[in-house]
Amino acid sequence: MCFSLYAGTVKPLTRKAWDKDIRGLSVSALDQRDAHIISHFNLPEVQRIGSTAGCGCDFPYVTLTKGAWVGYPEVIVDDPGWEKTELVNREALVAMLIGSGEKMIELYGIWQDGESEKPVNVREEISLKRILDSDFRFKERGFYTVNL
């Protein structure tokens, strides 16, 4: 099971396949398993954003367990390699969003299996710079309106 990050935009983001040798971000059109995710978005174009792992697992995220966000707000990263991976993905995501030319983007993160039809856990309006903060984590089934 993997974390998935989706972006809602006015115009489609440039599609880019994931390449295991380059390990950059990818952007793909939705497929059949993503069909229900569209209902959460207000903007007309919805696409999946892949991290350097191919899925969304290299983006910083937290899960909701028994009513609490595991590892949030007190984020403890004790692996310098993981911290570097998160930073690379944060910076690449912010660069991609800036390059989109959009004024506002919607982001939504879920676990792939069986969550696309579940209700949103939390809605937040954030600045683009917030994604770069070391304590920022995408919350499971968290919907973000990102002002660029």
N, C-alpha and C. Protein backbone atom coordinates (compact mmCIF):
# COMPACT_ATOMS: atom_id res chain seq x y z
N MET A 1 0.84 -1.17 0.00
CA MET A 1 0.00 0.00 0.00
C MET A 1 0.89 1.24 0.00
N CYS A 2 0.52 2.22 -0.80
CA CYS A 2 1.34 3.43 -0.96
C CYS A 2 0.51 4.68 -0.74
N PHE A 3 1.21 5.74 -0.35
CA PHE A 3 0.61 7.06 -0.26
C PHE A 3 0.53 7.63 -1.67
N SER A 4 -0.58 8.28 -1.98
CA SER A 4 -0.76 8.90 -3.30
C SER A 4 -1.11 10.37 -3.12
N LEU A 5 -0.51 11.20 -3.95
CA LEU A 5 -0.78 12.63 -3.93
C LEU A 5 -1.39 13.03 -5.26
N TYR A 6 -2.50 13.75 -5.19
CA TYR A 6 -3.21 14.21 -6.38
C TYR A 6 -3.22 15.72 -6.40
N ALA A 7 -3.19 16.28 -7.60
CA ALA A 7 -3.22 17.73 -7.77
C ALA A 7 -4.38 18.12 -8.67
N GLY A 8 -5.14 19.11 -8.22
CA GLY A 8 -6.20 19.69 -9.03
C GLY A 8 -5.74 21.03 -9.55
N THR A 9 -5.91 21.24 -10.85
CA THR A 9 -5.46 22.46 -11.51
C THR A 9 -6.50 22.92 -12.53
N VAL A 10 -6.33 24.13 -13.04
CA VAL A 10 -7.20 24.63 -14.11
C VAL A 10 -6.78 23.99 -15.43
N LYS A 11 -5.46 24.00 -15.70
CA LYS A 11 -4.92 23.38 -16.91
C LYS A 11 -4.16 22.12 -16.50
N PRO A 12 -4.13 21.10 -17.34
CA PRO A 12 -3.39 19.89 -16.97
C PRO A 12 -1.90 20.18 -16.78
N LEU A 13 -1.31 19.55 -15.78
CA LEU A 13 0.13 19.63 -15.60
C LEU A 13 0.79 18.80 -16.70
N THR A 14 1.99 19.17 -17.06
CA THR A 14 2.74 18.42 -18.08
C THR A 14 2.97 17.01 -17.58
N ARG A 15 2.57 16.04 -18.37
CA ARG A 15 2.73 14.64 -18.00
C ARG A 15 4.20 14.25 -18.08
N LYS A 16 4.60 13.45 -17.11
CA LYS A 16 5.98 12.98 -17.08
C LYS A 16 5.99 11.60 -16.43
N ALA A 17 6.47 10.62 -17.16
CA ALA A 17 6.54 9.26 -16.63
C ALA A 17 7.65 9.15 -15.60
N TRP A 18 7.46 8.27 -14.62
CA TRP A 18 8.50 8.04 -13.63
C TRP A 18 9.61 7.22 -14.26
N ASP A 19 10.84 7.63 -13.99
CA ASP A 19 12.02 6.94 -14.52
C ASP A 19 12.88 6.55 -13.32
N LYS A 20 13.00 5.25 -13.06
CA LYS A 20 13.74 4.78 -11.89
C LYS A 20 15.20 5.20 -11.91
N ASP A 21 15.76 5.46 -13.09
CA ASP A 21 17.16 5.87 -13.18
C ASP A 21 17.36 7.34 -12.84
N ILE A 22 16.36 8.16 -13.12
CA ILE A 22 16.45 9.60 -12.83
C ILE A 22 15.88 9.91 -11.45
N ARG A 23 14.84 9.18 -11.06
CA ARG A 23 14.17 9.33 -9.76
C ARG A 23 13.70 10.76 -9.50
N GLY A 24 13.04 11.33 -10.48
CA GLY A 24 12.42 12.64 -10.30
C GLY A 24 10.93 12.45 -10.05
N LEU A 25 10.21 13.55 -9.98
CA LEU A 25 8.76 13.48 -9.83
C LEU A 25 8.12 13.07 -11.14
N SER A 26 6.95 12.49 -11.02
CA SER A 26 6.17 12.12 -12.21
C SER A 26 4.78 12.73 -12.11
N VAL A 27 4.15 12.88 -13.25
CA VAL A 27 2.77 13.37 -13.32
C VAL A 27 2.04 12.46 -14.29
N SER A 28 0.94 11.88 -13.82
CA SER A 28 0.20 10.97 -14.70
C SER A 28 -1.30 11.27 -14.65
N ALA A 29 -1.94 10.94 -15.75
CA ALA A 29 -3.40 11.05 -15.82
C ALA A 29 -4.01 10.01 -14.89
N LEU A 30 -5.23 10.23 -14.50
CA LEU A 30 -5.91 9.28 -13.63
C LEU A 30 -6.28 8.03 -14.41
N ASP A 31 -6.29 6.91 -13.71
CA ASP A 31 -6.74 5.66 -14.32
C ASP A 31 -8.01 5.20 -13.60
N GLN A 32 -8.46 4.01 -13.90
CA GLN A 32 -9.73 3.51 -13.36
C GLN A 32 -9.76 3.51 -11.83
N ARG A 33 -8.64 3.14 -11.19
CA ARG A 33 -8.64 3.07 -9.73
C ARG A 33 -8.73 4.45 -9.08
N ASP A 34 -8.45 5.50 -9.86
CA ASP A 34 -8.51 6.87 -9.34
C ASP A 34 -9.85 7.56 -9.62
N ALA A 35 -10.76 6.89 -10.28
CA ALA A 35 -11.97 7.53 -10.79
C ALA A 35 -12.75 8.32 -9.73
N HIS A 36 -12.84 7.79 -8.53
CA HIS A 36 -13.64 8.44 -7.49
C HIS A 36 -12.96 9.66 -6.87
N ILE A 37 -11.68 9.80 -7.07
CA ILE A 37 -10.93 10.89 -6.44
C ILE A 37 -11.39 12.26 -6.96
N ILE A 38 -11.86 12.29 -8.18
CA ILE A 38 -12.27 13.56 -8.81
C ILE A 38 -13.34 14.27 -7.99
N SER A 39 -14.20 13.51 -7.33
CA SER A 39 -15.31 14.12 -6.58
C SER A 39 -14.85 15.03 -5.45
N HIS A 40 -13.61 14.90 -5.01
CA HIS A 40 -13.10 15.74 -3.92
C HIS A 40 -12.60 17.10 -4.40
N PHE A 41 -12.41 17.25 -5.69
CA PHE A 41 -11.78 18.46 -6.25
C PHE A 41 -12.79 19.44 -6.82
N ASN A 42 -12.43 20.72 -6.73
CA ASN A 42 -13.23 21.78 -7.35
C ASN A 42 -12.67 22.15 -8.72
N LEU A 43 -11.36 21.99 -8.90
CA LEU A 43 -10.73 22.37 -10.17
C LEU A 43 -10.90 21.23 -11.19
N PRO A 44 -10.96 21.58 -12.48
CA PRO A 44 -11.35 20.60 -13.50
C PRO A 44 -10.31 19.53 -13.86
N GLU A 45 -9.03 19.82 -13.70
CA GLU A 45 -7.99 18.86 -14.08
C GLU A 45 -7.40 18.21 -12.83
N VAL A 46 -7.46 16.91 -12.75
CA VAL A 46 -6.91 16.19 -11.60
C VAL A 46 -5.91 15.16 -12.12
N GLN A 47 -4.74 15.15 -11.51
CA GLN A 47 -3.69 14.22 -11.92
C GLN A 47 -2.95 13.70 -10.69
N ARG A 48 -2.29 12.55 -10.86
CA ARG A 48 -1.51 11.95 -9.78
C ARG A 48 -0.07 12.46 -9.87
N ILE A 49 0.50 12.82 -8.72
CA ILE A 49 1.88 13.28 -8.64
C ILE A 49 2.69 12.19 -7.94
N GLY A 50 3.69 11.67 -8.61
CA GLY A 50 4.55 10.66 -8.01
C GLY A 50 5.83 11.28 -7.47
N SER A 51 6.29 10.76 -6.35
CA SER A 51 7.55 11.23 -5.75
C SER A 51 8.73 10.50 -6.38
N THR A 52 9.89 10.69 -5.81
CA THR A 52 11.08 10.01 -6.32
C THR A 52 10.99 8.49 -6.16
N ALA A 53 10.05 8.01 -5.38
CA ALA A 53 9.84 6.57 -5.21
C ALA A 53 8.95 6.00 -6.31
N GLY A 54 8.37 6.87 -7.13
CA GLY A 54 7.43 6.43 -8.15
C GLY A 54 6.00 6.61 -7.68
N CYS A 55 5.71 6.16 -6.46
CA CYS A 55 4.41 6.41 -5.83
C CYS A 55 4.55 7.72 -5.04
N GLY A 56 3.73 7.95 -4.05
CA GLY A 56 3.85 9.17 -3.27
C GLY A 56 4.57 8.99 -1.94
N CYS A 57 5.14 7.82 -1.72
CA CYS A 57 5.71 7.51 -0.40
C CYS A 57 6.93 8.34 -0.01
N ASP A 58 7.61 8.99 -0.93
CA ASP A 58 8.74 9.84 -0.56
C ASP A 58 8.33 11.28 -0.25
N PHE A 59 7.03 11.59 -0.36
CA PHE A 59 6.54 12.87 0.12
C PHE A 59 6.35 12.75 1.63
N PRO A 60 6.53 13.83 2.39
CA PRO A 60 6.31 13.75 3.83
C PRO A 60 4.82 13.63 4.13
N TYR A 61 4.45 12.65 4.95
CA TYR A 61 3.03 12.46 5.27
C TYR A 61 2.89 11.86 6.66
N VAL A 62 1.69 11.98 7.21
CA VAL A 62 1.34 11.34 8.48
C VAL A 62 0.01 10.63 8.30
N THR A 63 -0.20 9.59 9.11
CA THR A 63 -1.43 8.83 9.04
C THR A 63 -2.31 9.10 10.26
N LEU A 64 -3.59 8.91 10.08
CA LEU A 64 -4.55 9.07 11.16
C LEU A 64 -4.81 7.69 11.76
N THR A 65 -4.44 7.54 13.03
CA THR A 65 -4.62 6.26 13.72
C THR A 65 -5.31 6.50 15.05
N LYS A 66 -6.45 5.87 15.22
CA LYS A 66 -7.24 6.00 16.45
C LYS A 66 -7.49 7.46 16.80
N GLY A 67 -7.77 8.26 15.79
CA GLY A 67 -8.13 9.66 15.99
C GLY A 67 -6.97 10.62 16.18
N ALA A 68 -5.72 10.15 16.03
CA ALA A 68 -4.56 11.03 16.21
C ALA A 68 -3.63 10.91 15.01
N TRP A 69 -2.97 12.01 14.68
CA TRP A 69 -1.99 12.01 13.59
C TRP A 69 -0.69 11.43 14.13
N VAL A 70 -0.30 10.29 13.63
CA VAL A 70 0.91 9.62 14.09
C VAL A 70 2.13 10.40 13.62
N GLY A 71 2.94 10.89 14.57
CA GLY A 71 4.15 11.64 14.24
C GLY A 71 3.92 13.10 13.94
N TYR A 72 2.77 13.66 14.38
CA TYR A 72 2.49 15.07 14.09
C TYR A 72 1.76 15.66 15.27
N PRO A 73 2.04 16.84 15.74
CA PRO A 73 2.93 17.84 15.16
C PRO A 73 4.39 17.67 15.55
N GLU A 74 4.69 16.79 16.52
CA GLU A 74 6.09 16.63 16.91
C GLU A 74 6.77 15.65 15.96
N VAL A 75 7.31 16.20 14.88
CA VAL A 75 7.96 15.42 13.83
C VAL A 75 9.39 15.10 14.26
N ILE A 76 9.70 13.82 14.31
CA ILE A 76 11.05 13.39 14.66
C ILE A 76 11.61 12.61 13.48
N VAL A 77 12.61 13.17 12.86
CA VAL A 77 13.28 12.49 11.75
C VAL A 77 14.70 12.19 12.22
N ASP A 78 14.97 10.91 12.44
CA ASP A 78 16.28 10.53 12.96
C ASP A 78 17.14 9.81 11.93
N ASP A 79 16.72 9.91 10.68
CA ASP A 79 17.47 9.29 9.59
C ASP A 79 17.86 10.39 8.60
N PRO A 80 19.14 10.79 8.57
CA PRO A 80 19.55 11.87 7.66
C PRO A 80 19.25 11.57 6.19
N GLY A 81 19.32 10.32 5.80
CA GLY A 81 19.00 9.96 4.42
C GLY A 81 17.54 10.21 4.10
N TRP A 82 16.66 9.86 5.04
CA TRP A 82 15.23 10.07 4.83
C TRP A 82 14.92 11.56 4.82
N GLU A 83 15.56 12.30 5.71
CA GLU A 83 15.37 13.74 5.77
C GLU A 83 15.77 14.39 4.43
N LYS A 84 16.86 13.92 3.85
CA LYS A 84 17.32 14.44 2.56
C LYS A 84 16.32 14.08 1.46
N THR A 85 15.81 12.85 1.49
CA THR A 85 14.82 12.43 0.49
C THR A 85 13.56 13.29 0.57
N GLU A 86 13.10 13.54 1.79
CA GLU A 86 11.92 14.40 1.95
C GLU A 86 12.19 15.79 1.41
N LEU A 87 13.37 16.34 1.69
CA LEU A 87 13.71 17.68 1.23
C LEU A 87 13.74 17.74 -0.29
N VAL A 88 14.35 16.76 -0.92
CA VAL A 88 14.40 16.70 -2.38
C VAL A 88 12.98 16.69 -2.96
N ASN A 89 12.10 15.90 -2.36
CA ASN A 89 10.72 15.82 -2.85
C ASN A 89 9.93 17.08 -2.59
N ARG A 90 10.13 17.69 -1.43
CA ARG A 90 9.47 18.98 -1.14
C ARG A 90 9.86 20.03 -2.17
N GLU A 91 11.17 20.15 -2.39
CA GLU A 91 11.67 21.16 -3.31
C GLU A 91 11.22 20.90 -4.74
N ALA A 92 11.24 19.64 -5.16
CA ALA A 92 10.80 19.31 -6.52
C ALA A 92 9.31 19.58 -6.70
N LEU A 93 8.50 19.27 -5.68
CA LEU A 93 7.07 19.52 -5.76
C LEU A 93 6.81 21.02 -5.85
N VAL A 94 7.46 21.81 -5.02
CA VAL A 94 7.27 23.26 -5.05
C VAL A 94 7.69 23.82 -6.41
N ALA A 95 8.82 23.36 -6.94
CA ALA A 95 9.27 23.82 -8.27
C ALA A 95 8.26 23.46 -9.34
N MET A 96 7.71 22.25 -9.27
CA MET A 96 6.72 21.82 -10.25
C MET A 96 5.47 22.70 -10.17
N LEU A 97 5.02 22.99 -8.96
CA LEU A 97 3.82 23.80 -8.80
C LEU A 97 4.05 25.24 -9.27
N ILE A 98 5.22 25.79 -8.98
CA ILE A 98 5.55 27.13 -9.47
C ILE A 98 5.55 27.13 -10.99
N GLY A 99 6.16 26.11 -11.58
CA GLY A 99 6.26 26.01 -13.04
C GLY A 99 4.94 25.79 -13.74
N SER A 100 3.91 25.45 -12.99
CA SER A 100 2.60 25.20 -13.59
C SER A 100 1.93 26.47 -14.11
N GLY A 101 2.31 27.61 -13.55
CA GLY A 101 1.67 28.86 -13.93
C GLY A 101 0.31 29.08 -13.29
N GLU A 102 -0.11 28.17 -12.41
CA GLU A 102 -1.40 28.28 -11.73
C GLU A 102 -1.29 29.27 -10.58
N LYS A 103 -2.39 29.89 -10.22
CA LYS A 103 -2.43 30.80 -9.08
C LYS A 103 -2.79 30.05 -7.80
N MET A 104 -3.51 28.95 -7.96
CA MET A 104 -3.94 28.14 -6.84
C MET A 104 -4.03 26.70 -7.32
N ILE A 105 -3.62 25.78 -6.45
CA ILE A 105 -3.66 24.36 -6.77
C ILE A 105 -4.27 23.63 -5.59
N GLU A 106 -5.03 22.58 -5.87
CA GLU A 106 -5.57 21.74 -4.82
C GLU A 106 -4.73 20.47 -4.74
N LEU A 107 -4.35 20.07 -3.53
CA LEU A 107 -3.61 18.83 -3.32
C LEU A 107 -4.39 17.95 -2.36
N TYR A 108 -4.38 16.65 -2.62
CA TYR A 108 -5.09 15.70 -1.77
C TYR A 108 -4.27 14.43 -1.68
N GLY A 109 -4.00 13.99 -0.45
CA GLY A 109 -3.19 12.79 -0.25
C GLY A 109 -3.98 11.69 0.41
N ILE A 110 -3.87 10.48 -0.14
CA ILE A 110 -4.58 9.31 0.41
C ILE A 110 -3.70 8.08 0.30
N TRP A 111 -4.12 7.03 0.98
CA TRP A 111 -3.57 5.71 0.73
C TRP A 111 -4.30 5.14 -0.46
N GLN A 112 -3.61 4.47 -1.35
CA GLN A 112 -4.20 4.02 -2.60
C GLN A 112 -5.40 3.10 -2.42
N ASP A 113 -5.30 2.16 -1.55
CA ASP A 113 -6.33 1.13 -1.47
C ASP A 113 -7.55 1.55 -0.68
N GLY A 114 -8.65 1.77 -1.38
CA GLY A 114 -9.93 1.96 -0.75
C GLY A 114 -10.22 3.30 -0.11
N GLU A 115 -9.41 4.30 -0.32
CA GLU A 115 -9.66 5.58 0.34
C GLU A 115 -10.22 6.65 -0.57
N SER A 116 -10.26 6.40 -1.86
CA SER A 116 -10.68 7.47 -2.77
C SER A 116 -12.13 7.87 -2.58
N GLU A 117 -12.96 6.98 -2.04
CA GLU A 117 -14.37 7.30 -1.83
C GLU A 117 -14.65 7.80 -0.42
N LYS A 118 -13.70 7.68 0.48
CA LYS A 118 -13.91 8.12 1.86
C LYS A 118 -13.90 9.64 1.94
N PRO A 119 -14.55 10.20 2.96
CA PRO A 119 -14.56 11.67 3.09
C PRO A 119 -13.19 12.23 3.47
N VAL A 120 -13.01 13.48 3.16
CA VAL A 120 -11.79 14.21 3.51
C VAL A 120 -11.70 14.29 5.04
N ASN A 121 -10.50 14.05 5.60
CA ASN A 121 -10.28 14.17 7.05
C ASN A 121 -10.12 15.61 7.50
N VAL A 122 -9.41 16.39 6.69
CA VAL A 122 -9.08 17.76 7.09
C VAL A 122 -8.89 18.60 5.83
N ARG A 123 -9.30 19.86 5.92
CA ARG A 123 -9.09 20.82 4.84
C ARG A 123 -8.25 21.97 5.38
N GLU A 124 -7.21 22.32 4.62
CA GLU A 124 -6.35 23.41 5.04
C GLU A 124 -6.01 24.29 3.84
N GLU A 125 -5.90 25.58 4.10
CA GLU A 125 -5.39 26.51 3.10
C GLU A 125 -3.97 26.85 3.52
N ILE A 126 -3.01 26.63 2.62
CA ILE A 126 -1.61 26.85 2.96
C ILE A 126 -0.93 27.66 1.86
N SER A 127 0.19 28.25 2.24
CA SER A 127 1.02 28.91 1.24
C SER A 127 1.93 27.85 0.62
N LEU A 128 2.44 28.14 -0.54
CA LEU A 128 3.36 27.22 -1.20
C LEU A 128 4.61 27.01 -0.34
N LYS A 129 5.07 28.06 0.31
CA LYS A 129 6.27 27.97 1.15
C LYS A 129 6.09 27.00 2.31
N ARG A 130 4.87 26.80 2.76
CA ARG A 130 4.61 25.89 3.90
C ARG A 130 5.09 24.47 3.59
N ILE A 131 4.99 24.04 2.35
CA ILE A 131 5.40 22.69 1.96
C ILE A 131 6.90 22.50 2.22
N LEU A 132 7.67 23.57 2.17
CA LEU A 132 9.12 23.48 2.38
C LEU A 132 9.51 23.39 3.86
N ASP A 133 8.60 23.70 4.76
CA ASP A 133 8.91 23.65 6.19
C ASP A 133 9.19 22.22 6.62
N SER A 134 10.23 22.04 7.42
CA SER A 134 10.64 20.69 7.83
C SER A 134 9.59 19.97 8.66
N ASP A 135 8.67 20.72 9.28
CA ASP A 135 7.62 20.07 10.07
C ASP A 135 6.32 19.85 9.29
N PHE A 136 6.31 20.20 8.01
CA PHE A 136 5.09 20.00 7.22
C PHE A 136 4.97 18.54 6.81
N ARG A 137 3.77 17.98 6.98
CA ARG A 137 3.45 16.64 6.53
C ARG A 137 2.07 16.67 5.89
N PHE A 138 1.92 16.00 4.76
CA PHE A 138 0.59 15.82 4.19
C PHE A 138 -0.17 14.87 5.11
N LYS A 139 -1.33 15.29 5.52
CA LYS A 139 -2.15 14.45 6.40
C LYS A 139 -2.97 13.48 5.55
N GLU A 140 -3.08 12.28 6.04
CA GLU A 140 -3.86 11.25 5.36
C GLU A 140 -5.28 11.77 5.13
N ARG A 141 -5.73 11.71 3.88
CA ARG A 141 -7.02 12.25 3.45
C ARG A 141 -7.13 13.73 3.82
N GLY A 142 -5.99 14.43 3.69
CA GLY A 142 -5.94 15.87 3.90
C GLY A 142 -6.04 16.58 2.56
N PHE A 143 -6.91 17.57 2.47
CA PHE A 143 -7.14 18.33 1.25
C PHE A 143 -6.56 19.73 1.48
N TYR A 144 -5.66 20.14 0.58
CA TYR A 144 -4.97 21.41 0.73
C TYR A 144 -5.26 22.33 -0.45
N THR A 145 -5.63 23.55 -0.13
CA THR A 145 -5.71 24.60 -1.12
C THR A 145 -4.41 25.37 -0.99
N VAL A 146 -3.60 25.32 -2.06
CA VAL A 146 -2.27 25.92 -2.01
C VAL A 146 -2.26 27.19 -2.85
N ASN A 147 -1.97 28.29 -2.18
CA ASN A 147 -1.90 29.58 -2.88
C ASN A 147 -0.48 29.81 -3.35
N LEU A 148 -0.35 30.03 -4.66
CA LEU A 148 0.96 30.26 -5.24
C LEU A 148 1.17 31.75 -5.38
